[in-house]
Amino acid sequence: MQKPLIGITTRNNKDADAHPTTSLQHTYTRAVIQAGGIPILIPSILIEEDFLDLYSSLAGILFSGGGDISLQYFEGAEHPRIGEVDLNRDSVEIGLMRAALHDGKPVLGICRGAQVMNVALGGTLYTHLYDQIPGALDHAYPGDLRRALVHSVNVNEESRAAEIFGETLLSVNSLHHQALKDIALPLRVVGRAPDGIVEVVEIPEHPYAVAVQWHPEWLTDQLPTRRLFKSFVDAAASK
């Protein structure tokens, strides 16, 4: 059977000489390869006509982590910690997400990807959760702490996510300062951190629409993580 083509969204960055680049950490591509898919990078500079042409050839889309989504796309509080806003990336990802959710194309959202899923459907975000959620845990562990397991996630046992992970209590890393606030329909919250922060959402009526707030691509040594990527790639292969 032919391996499915899995599109992965990317960052716009600059190299050491300040030349514009398209970038993605290898952890994403390796996770897709390990799960049986072929990763295809989606440049975040494409116009709508071009990213929709590319979209038509993809079996599934992985929405990767990255900077904050512009307040142009949701009603959120201004905050000085909002950063790495990229309107080109926002346009590409929100357009792709809306298309995939409408068409029933499998999608997996990771960190920013979970936020894109919510915003694309009309939801909102906490723009700096530490100032907006009293008692929130520290959810930002950057740099060399990407494999550090810093808090648990309780997963609803009556959810697709629980079937995917094979467990209802996970230990995860955490690299975000924003979080889902008002949850858009038809998203269903099926996993939370101990402080109540939304960590897993899914769309029960969709063939495969799952998003997590942590970074599982750094945790492929965990069986639940491998199950997540495998279930996503398998869903894409079956389309």
C-alpha atoms as a PDB file:
ATOM      1  CA  MET A   1       0.000   0.000   0.000  1.00  0.00           C
ATOM      2  CA  GLN A   2       1.293   3.467  -0.893  1.00  0.00           C
ATOM      3  CA  LYS A   3       2.371   5.534   2.073  1.00  0.00           C
ATOM      4  CA  PRO A   4       0.166   8.599   2.681  1.00  0.00           C
ATOM      5  CA  LEU A   5       1.513  12.099   2.043  1.00  0.00           C
ATOM      6  CA  ILE A   6       1.301  14.070   5.288  1.00  0.00           C
ATOM      7  CA  GLY A   7       1.570  17.841   5.010  1.00  0.00           C
ATOM      8  CA  ILE A   8       3.284  19.599   7.922  1.00  0.00           C
ATOM      9  CA  THR A   9       3.002  23.339   8.467  1.00  0.00           C
ATOM     10  CA  THR A  10       6.219  25.319   8.870  1.00  0.00           C
ATOM     11  CA  ARG A  11       7.740  28.486  10.306  1.00  0.00           C
ATOM     12  CA  ASN A  12       9.081  31.479   8.430  1.00  0.00           C
ATOM     13  CA  ASN A  13      12.537  32.181   9.848  1.00  0.00           C
ATOM     14  CA  LYS A  14      15.903  33.664   8.868  1.00  0.00           C
ATOM     15  CA  ASP A  15      19.298  32.003   8.645  1.00  0.00           C
ATOM     16  CA  ALA A  16      22.554  33.320  10.120  1.00  0.00           C
ATOM     17  CA  ASP A  17      22.886  35.746   7.206  1.00  0.00           C
ATOM     18  CA  ALA A  18      19.331  37.048   7.652  1.00  0.00           C
ATOM     19  CA  HIS A  19      18.078  35.249   4.543  1.00  0.00           C
ATOM     20  CA  PRO A  20      14.407  34.174   4.806  1.00  0.00           C
ATOM     21  CA  THR A  21      13.930  30.442   5.366  1.00  0.00           C
ATOM     22  CA  THR A  22      11.191  27.855   5.709  1.00  0.00           C
ATOM     23  CA  SER A  23      11.901  25.685   8.737  1.00  0.00           C
ATOM     24  CA  LEU A  24      10.636  22.707  10.696  1.00  0.00           C
ATOM     25  CA  GLN A  25      12.280  20.643  13.411  1.00  0.00           C
ATOM     26  CA  HIS A  26      13.165  17.104  12.383  1.00  0.00           C
ATOM     27  CA  THR A  27      11.197  15.707  15.315  1.00  0.00           C
ATOM     28  CA  TYR A  28       7.968  16.277  13.367  1.00  0.00           C
ATOM     29  CA  THR A  29       9.176  14.643  10.174  1.00  0.00           C
ATOM     30  CA  ARG A  30      10.706  11.693  12.040  1.00  0.00           C
ATOM     31  CA  ALA A  31       7.478  11.110  13.969  1.00  0.00           C
ATOM     32  CA  VAL A  32       5.513  10.976  10.701  1.00  0.00           C
ATOM     33  CA  ILE A  33       8.072   8.689   9.055  1.00  0.00           C
ATOM     34  CA  GLN A  34       8.104   6.380  12.083  1.00  0.00           C
ATOM     35  CA  ALA A  35       4.300   6.183  11.879  1.00  0.00           C
ATOM     36  CA  GLY A  36       4.400   5.153   8.212  1.00  0.00           C
ATOM     37  CA  GLY A  37       3.780   8.441   6.402  1.00  0.00           C
ATOM     38  CA  ILE A  38       5.783  10.603   4.010  1.00  0.00           C
ATOM     39  CA  PRO A  39       6.195  14.159   5.331  1.00  0.00           C
ATOM     40  CA  ILE A  40       5.630  17.078   2.946  1.00  0.00           C
ATOM     41  CA  LEU A  41       6.575  20.537   4.191  1.00  0.00           C
ATOM     42  CA  ILE A  42       3.999  23.272   3.587  1.00  0.00           C
ATOM     43  CA  PRO A  43       5.697  26.674   3.084  1.00  0.00           C
ATOM     44  CA  SER A  44       3.958  29.423   5.031  1.00  0.00           C
ATOM     45  CA  ILE A  45       4.399  31.910   2.194  1.00  0.00           C
ATOM     46  CA  LEU A  46       1.913  30.347  -0.219  1.00  0.00           C
ATOM     47  CA  ILE A  47      -1.074  32.270  -1.543  1.00  0.00           C
ATOM     48  CA  GLU A  48      -4.476  30.666  -1.099  1.00  0.00           C
ATOM     49  CA  GLU A  49      -4.666  29.281  -4.629  1.00  0.00           C
ATOM     50  CA  ASP A  50      -1.337  27.511  -4.195  1.00  0.00           C
ATOM     51  CA  PHE A  51      -1.817  26.107  -0.698  1.00  0.00           C
ATOM     52  CA  LEU A  52      -5.219  24.750  -1.718  1.00  0.00           C
ATOM     53  CA  ASP A  53      -3.623  23.093  -4.761  1.00  0.00           C
ATOM     54  CA  LEU A  54      -1.097  21.460  -2.442  1.00  0.00           C
ATOM     55  CA  TYR A  55      -3.859  20.575   0.013  1.00  0.00           C
ATOM     56  CA  SER A  56      -5.647  18.509  -2.618  1.00  0.00           C
ATOM     57  CA  SER A  57      -2.657  16.149  -2.908  1.00  0.00           C
ATOM     58  CA  LEU A  58      -2.286  15.540   0.840  1.00  0.00           C
ATOM     59  CA  ALA A  59      -3.837  12.646   2.740  1.00  0.00           C
ATOM     60  CA  GLY A  60      -3.609  14.443   6.080  1.00  0.00           C
ATOM     61  CA  ILE A  61      -2.184  17.579   7.684  1.00  0.00           C
ATOM     62  CA  LEU A  62      -0.126  17.977  10.851  1.00  0.00           C
ATOM     63  CA  PHE A  63      -0.335  21.503  12.256  1.00  0.00           C
ATOM     64  CA  SER A  64       2.966  22.132  14.043  1.00  0.00           C
ATOM     65  CA  GLY A  65       3.902  24.360  16.968  1.00  0.00           C
ATOM     66  CA  GLY A  66       5.205  27.898  16.741  1.00  0.00           C
ATOM     67  CA  GLY A  67       4.467  31.536  17.492  1.00  0.00           C
ATOM     68  CA  ASP A  68       1.242  33.228  18.527  1.00  0.00           C
ATOM     69  CA  ILE A  69      -1.810  33.718  16.329  1.00  0.00           C
ATOM     70  CA  SER A  70      -2.686  37.305  15.400  1.00  0.00           C
ATOM     71  CA  LEU A  71      -5.536  38.945  17.303  1.00  0.00           C
ATOM     72  CA  GLN A  72      -7.006  39.679  13.880  1.00  0.00           C
ATOM     73  CA  TYR A  73      -8.418  36.138  14.010  1.00  0.00           C
ATOM     74  CA  PHE A  74     -10.033  36.060  17.459  1.00  0.00           C
ATOM     75  CA  GLU A  75     -11.232  38.272  20.284  1.00  0.00           C
ATOM     76  CA  GLY A  76      -8.417  38.185  22.810  1.00  0.00           C
ATOM     77  CA  ALA A  77      -6.738  40.492  25.298  1.00  0.00           C
ATOM     78  CA  GLU A  78      -3.722  42.460  24.134  1.00  0.00           C
ATOM     79  CA  HIS A  79      -0.603  41.442  26.045  1.00  0.00           C
ATOM     80  CA  PRO A  80       3.080  42.418  25.777  1.00  0.00           C
ATOM     81  CA  ARG A  81       4.104  38.748  25.760  1.00  0.00           C
ATOM     82  CA  ILE A  82       2.299  38.050  22.482  1.00  0.00           C
ATOM     83  CA  GLY A  83       5.129  37.249  20.083  1.00  0.00           C
ATOM     84  CA  GLU A  84       6.330  35.699  16.834  1.00  0.00           C
ATOM     85  CA  VAL A  85       3.087  36.673  15.107  1.00  0.00           C
ATOM     86  CA  ASP A  86       3.248  35.771  11.410  1.00  0.00           C
ATOM     87  CA  LEU A  87       0.251  36.820   9.337  1.00  0.00           C
ATOM     88  CA  ASN A  88       1.369  34.742   6.361  1.00  0.00           C
ATOM     89  CA  ARG A  89       1.508  31.603   8.479  1.00  0.00           C
ATOM     90  CA  ASP A  90      -1.825  32.430  10.110  1.00  0.00           C
ATOM     91  CA  SER A  91      -3.471  32.784   6.710  1.00  0.00           C
ATOM     92  CA  VAL A  92      -2.086  29.491   5.379  1.00  0.00           C
ATOM     93  CA  GLU A  93      -2.849  27.460   8.489  1.00  0.00           C
ATOM     94  CA  ILE A  94      -6.322  28.796   9.185  1.00  0.00           C
ATOM     95  CA  GLY A  95      -7.234  28.322   5.523  1.00  0.00           C
ATOM     96  CA  LEU A  96      -5.926  24.754   5.523  1.00  0.00           C
ATOM     97  CA  MET A  97      -7.588  23.925   8.844  1.00  0.00           C
ATOM     98  CA  ARG A  98     -10.982  25.174   7.715  1.00  0.00           C
ATOM     99  CA  ALA A  99     -10.698  23.231   4.464  1.00  0.00           C
ATOM    100  CA  ALA A 100      -9.674  19.997   6.198  1.00  0.00           C
ATOM    101  CA  LEU A 101     -12.380  20.219   8.854  1.00  0.00           C
ATOM    102  CA  HIS A 102     -14.987  20.914   6.197  1.00  0.00           C
ATOM    103  CA  ASP A 103     -13.822  18.108   3.901  1.00  0.00           C
ATOM    104  CA  GLY A 104     -13.190  15.441   6.534  1.00  0.00           C
ATOM    105  CA  LYS A 105      -9.447  15.276   5.851  1.00  0.00           C
ATOM    106  CA  PRO A 106      -7.479  13.914   8.858  1.00  0.00           C
ATOM    107  CA  VAL A 107      -5.753  16.587  10.949  1.00  0.00           C
ATOM    108  CA  LEU A 108      -3.482  16.468  13.988  1.00  0.00           C
ATOM    109  CA  GLY A 109      -2.796  19.709  15.842  1.00  0.00           C
ATOM    110  CA  ILE A 110       0.234  20.153  18.094  1.00  0.00           C
ATOM    111  CA  CYS A 111       0.490  23.080  20.560  1.00  0.00           C
ATOM    112  CA  ARG A 112      -0.083  26.086  18.257  1.00  0.00           C
ATOM    113  CA  GLY A 113      -1.938  23.602  16.036  1.00  0.00           C
ATOM    114  CA  ALA A 114      -4.529  23.045  18.781  1.00  0.00           C
ATOM    115  CA  GLN A 115      -4.957  26.803  19.043  1.00  0.00           C
ATOM    116  CA  VAL A 116      -5.306  27.132  15.261  1.00  0.00           C
ATOM    117  CA  MET A 117      -8.036  24.476  15.314  1.00  0.00           C
ATOM    118  CA  ASN A 118     -10.019  26.381  17.947  1.00  0.00           C
ATOM    119  CA  VAL A 119      -9.532  29.809  16.366  1.00  0.00           C
ATOM    120  CA  ALA A 120     -10.337  28.556  12.852  1.00  0.00           C
ATOM    121  CA  LEU A 121     -13.722  27.409  14.161  1.00  0.00           C
ATOM    122  CA  GLY A 122     -14.455  30.686  15.977  1.00  0.00           C
ATOM    123  CA  GLY A 123     -12.983  30.011  19.431  1.00  0.00           C
ATOM    124  CA  THR A 124     -10.669  32.218  21.498  1.00  0.00           C
ATOM    125  CA  LEU A 125      -7.390  31.960  23.426  1.00  0.00           C
ATOM    126  CA  TYR A 126      -5.888  33.119  26.686  1.00  0.00           C
ATOM    127  CA  THR A 127      -3.134  35.350  25.331  1.00  0.00           C
ATOM    128  CA  HIS A 128      -0.873  34.926  28.383  1.00  0.00           C
ATOM    129  CA  LEU A 129      -2.339  32.349  30.699  1.00  0.00           C
ATOM    130  CA  TYR A 130      -0.262  33.247  33.786  1.00  0.00           C
ATOM    131  CA  ASP A 131      -1.877  36.685  33.985  1.00  0.00           C
ATOM    132  CA  GLN A 132      -5.344  35.472  33.017  1.00  0.00           C
ATOM    133  CA  ILE A 133      -5.792  32.193  34.934  1.00  0.00           C
ATOM    134  CA  PRO A 134      -5.150  32.462  38.702  1.00  0.00           C
ATOM    135  CA  GLY A 135      -3.175  29.491  39.981  1.00  0.00           C
ATOM    136  CA  ALA A 136      -2.118  28.232  36.561  1.00  0.00           C
ATOM    137  CA  LEU A 137       0.842  25.872  36.445  1.00  0.00           C
ATOM    138  CA  ASP A 138       4.021  26.840  34.639  1.00  0.00           C
ATOM    139  CA  HIS A 139       3.398  25.577  31.098  1.00  0.00           C
ATOM    140  CA  ALA A 140       6.481  27.080  29.426  1.00  0.00           C
ATOM    141  CA  TYR A 141       9.577  24.864  29.529  1.00  0.00           C
ATOM    142  CA  PRO A 142      11.652  25.878  26.482  1.00  0.00           C
ATOM    143  CA  GLY A 143      15.092  24.972  25.233  1.00  0.00           C
ATOM    144  CA  ASP A 144      16.582  21.711  26.495  1.00  0.00           C
ATOM    145  CA  LEU A 145      13.453  20.840  28.496  1.00  0.00           C
ATOM    146  CA  ARG A 146      11.487  19.573  25.495  1.00  0.00           C
ATOM    147  CA  ARG A 147      11.673  16.012  26.757  1.00  0.00           C
ATOM    148  CA  ALA A 148      11.037  16.895  30.415  1.00  0.00           C
ATOM    149  CA  LEU A 149       7.739  15.492  31.711  1.00  0.00           C
ATOM    150  CA  VAL A 150       6.388  18.408  33.741  1.00  0.00           C
ATOM    151  CA  HIS A 151       2.711  17.691  34.372  1.00  0.00           C
ATOM    152  CA  SER A 152      -0.022  15.144  33.860  1.00  0.00           C
ATOM    153  CA  VAL A 153      -3.013  15.210  31.496  1.00  0.00           C
ATOM    154  CA  ASN A 154      -6.256  13.547  32.436  1.00  0.00           C
ATOM    155  CA  VAL A 155      -8.052  12.200  29.344  1.00  0.00           C
ATOM    156  CA  ASN A 156     -11.797  11.545  29.278  1.00  0.00           C
ATOM    157  CA  GLU A 157     -12.192   7.770  29.156  1.00  0.00           C
ATOM    158  CA  GLU A 158     -15.245   8.157  26.894  1.00  0.00           C
ATOM    159  CA  SER A 159     -13.272   9.813  24.080  1.00  0.00           C
ATOM    160  CA  ARG A 160     -11.523   8.946  20.857  1.00  0.00           C
ATOM    161  CA  ALA A 161      -8.307  10.288  22.401  1.00  0.00           C
ATOM    162  CA  ALA A 162      -8.479   7.695  25.180  1.00  0.00           C
ATOM    163  CA  GLU A 163      -8.817   4.945  22.571  1.00  0.00           C
ATOM    164  CA  ILE A 164      -5.875   6.376  20.643  1.00  0.00           C
ATOM    165  CA  PHE A 165      -3.520   6.757  23.598  1.00  0.00           C
ATOM    166  CA  GLY A 166      -4.626   3.539  25.269  1.00  0.00           C
ATOM    167  CA  GLU A 167      -4.359   5.409  28.594  1.00  0.00           C
ATOM    168  CA  THR A 168      -6.307   8.097  30.430  1.00  0.00           C
ATOM    169  CA  LEU A 169      -3.463   9.552  32.511  1.00  0.00           C
ATOM    170  CA  LEU A 170      -0.505  10.892  30.535  1.00  0.00           C
ATOM    171  CA  SER A 171       2.778  12.560  31.515  1.00  0.00           C
ATOM    172  CA  VAL A 172       3.712  15.331  29.100  1.00  0.00           C
ATOM    173  CA  ASN A 173       6.136  18.126  28.312  1.00  0.00           C
ATOM    174  CA  SER A 174       4.932  21.725  27.973  1.00  0.00           C
ATOM    175  CA  LEU A 175       6.123  24.679  25.870  1.00  0.00           C
ATOM    176  CA  HIS A 176       3.324  27.243  25.657  1.00  0.00           C
ATOM    177  CA  HIS A 177       2.206  30.494  27.280  1.00  0.00           C
ATOM    178  CA  GLN A 178      -1.211  30.689  25.604  1.00  0.00           C
ATOM    179  CA  ALA A 179      -4.118  28.266  25.865  1.00  0.00           C
ATOM    180  CA  LEU A 180      -7.618  27.555  24.612  1.00  0.00           C
ATOM    181  CA  LYS A 181     -10.270  29.734  26.255  1.00  0.00           C
ATOM    182  CA  ASP A 182     -13.735  29.769  24.672  1.00  0.00           C
ATOM    183  CA  ILE A 183     -14.107  26.429  22.913  1.00  0.00           C
ATOM    184  CA  ALA A 184     -15.634  26.515  19.445  1.00  0.00           C
ATOM    185  CA  LEU A 185     -18.266  24.089  18.267  1.00  0.00           C
ATOM    186  CA  PRO A 186     -17.997  21.270  17.304  1.00  0.00           C
ATOM    187  CA  LEU A 187     -14.786  20.832  19.324  1.00  0.00           C
ATOM    188  CA  ARG A 188     -15.022  18.679  22.438  1.00  0.00           C
ATOM    189  CA  VAL A 189     -12.602  19.079  25.337  1.00  0.00           C
ATOM    190  CA  VAL A 190     -11.399  15.600  26.315  1.00  0.00           C
ATOM    191  CA  GLY A 191      -8.183  16.278  28.245  1.00  0.00           C
ATOM    192  CA  ARG A 192      -7.024  18.787  30.858  1.00  0.00           C
ATOM    193  CA  ALA A 193      -3.944  19.569  32.941  1.00  0.00           C
ATOM    194  CA  PRO A 194      -4.260  19.537  36.760  1.00  0.00           C
ATOM    195  CA  ASP A 195      -4.910  23.309  36.719  1.00  0.00           C
ATOM    196  CA  GLY A 196      -7.794  22.920  34.280  1.00  0.00           C
ATOM    197  CA  ILE A 197      -5.959  24.103  31.166  1.00  0.00           C
ATOM    198  CA  VAL A 198      -7.347  22.420  28.053  1.00  0.00           C
ATOM    199  CA  GLU A 199      -4.804  19.921  26.732  1.00  0.00           C
ATOM    200  CA  VAL A 200      -6.747  17.687  24.309  1.00  0.00           C
ATOM    201  CA  VAL A 201      -9.621  18.472  21.948  1.00  0.00           C
ATOM    202  CA  GLU A 202     -11.304  16.428  19.247  1.00  0.00           C
ATOM    203  CA  ILE A 203     -14.254  16.567  16.860  1.00  0.00           C
ATOM    204  CA  PRO A 204     -16.290  13.391  17.379  1.00  0.00           C
ATOM    205  CA  GLU A 205     -18.153  13.730  14.062  1.00  0.00           C
ATOM    206  CA  HIS A 206     -14.974  14.206  12.001  1.00  0.00           C
ATOM    207  CA  PRO A 207     -13.082  11.183  10.580  1.00  0.00           C
ATOM    208  CA  TYR A 208      -9.964  12.311  12.453  1.00  0.00           C
ATOM    209  CA  ALA A 209      -9.552  15.737  14.061  1.00  0.00           C
ATOM    210  CA  VAL A 210      -7.462  15.616  17.234  1.00  0.00           C
ATOM    211  CA  ALA A 211      -5.249  18.262  18.811  1.00  0.00           C
ATOM    212  CA  VAL A 212      -2.979  18.352  21.859  1.00  0.00           C
ATOM    213  CA  GLN A 213      -1.440  21.318  23.646  1.00  0.00           C
ATOM    214  CA  TRP A 214       1.904  19.676  24.432  1.00  0.00           C
ATOM    215  CA  HIS A 215       4.674  18.517  22.049  1.00  0.00           C
ATOM    216  CA  PRO A 216       4.415  14.750  21.465  1.00  0.00           C
ATOM    217  CA  GLU A 217       6.927  14.870  18.613  1.00  0.00           C
ATOM    218  CA  TRP A 218       9.621  15.048  21.320  1.00  0.00           C
ATOM    219  CA  LEU A 219       8.173  12.085  23.211  1.00  0.00           C
ATOM    220  CA  THR A 220       8.139   9.280  20.646  1.00  0.00           C
ATOM    221  CA  ASP A 221       9.823   7.009  23.174  1.00  0.00           C
ATOM    222  CA  GLN A 222       6.395   6.845  24.838  1.00  0.00           C
ATOM    223  CA  LEU A 223       3.940   4.224  23.596  1.00  0.00           C
ATOM    224  CA  PRO A 224       0.897   6.580  23.849  1.00  0.00           C
ATOM    225  CA  THR A 225       2.736   9.094  21.653  1.00  0.00           C
ATOM    226  CA  ARG A 226       3.578   6.502  19.017  1.00  0.00           C
ATOM    227  CA  ARG A 227      -0.065   5.420  19.055  1.00  0.00           C
ATOM    228  CA  LEU A 228      -1.106   9.041  18.436  1.00  0.00           C
ATOM    229  CA  PHE A 229       1.051   9.476  15.327  1.00  0.00           C
ATOM    230  CA  LYS A 230       0.242   5.985  14.051  1.00  0.00           C
ATOM    231  CA  SER A 231      -3.503   6.520  14.399  1.00  0.00           C
ATOM    232  CA  PHE A 232      -3.237   9.819  12.522  1.00  0.00           C
ATOM    233  CA  VAL A 233      -1.178   8.386   9.649  1.00  0.00           C
ATOM    234  CA  ASP A 234      -3.434   5.323   9.459  1.00  0.00           C
ATOM    235  CA  ALA A 235      -6.510   7.570   9.246  1.00  0.00           C
ATOM    236  CA  ALA A 236      -4.852   9.510   6.428  1.00  0.00           C
ATOM    237  CA  ALA A 237      -3.955   6.287   4.608  1.00  0.00           C
ATOM    238  CA  SER A 238      -7.564   5.144   4.726  1.00  0.00           C
ATOM    239  CA  LYS A 239      -8.948   8.280   3.049  1.00  0.00           C
END
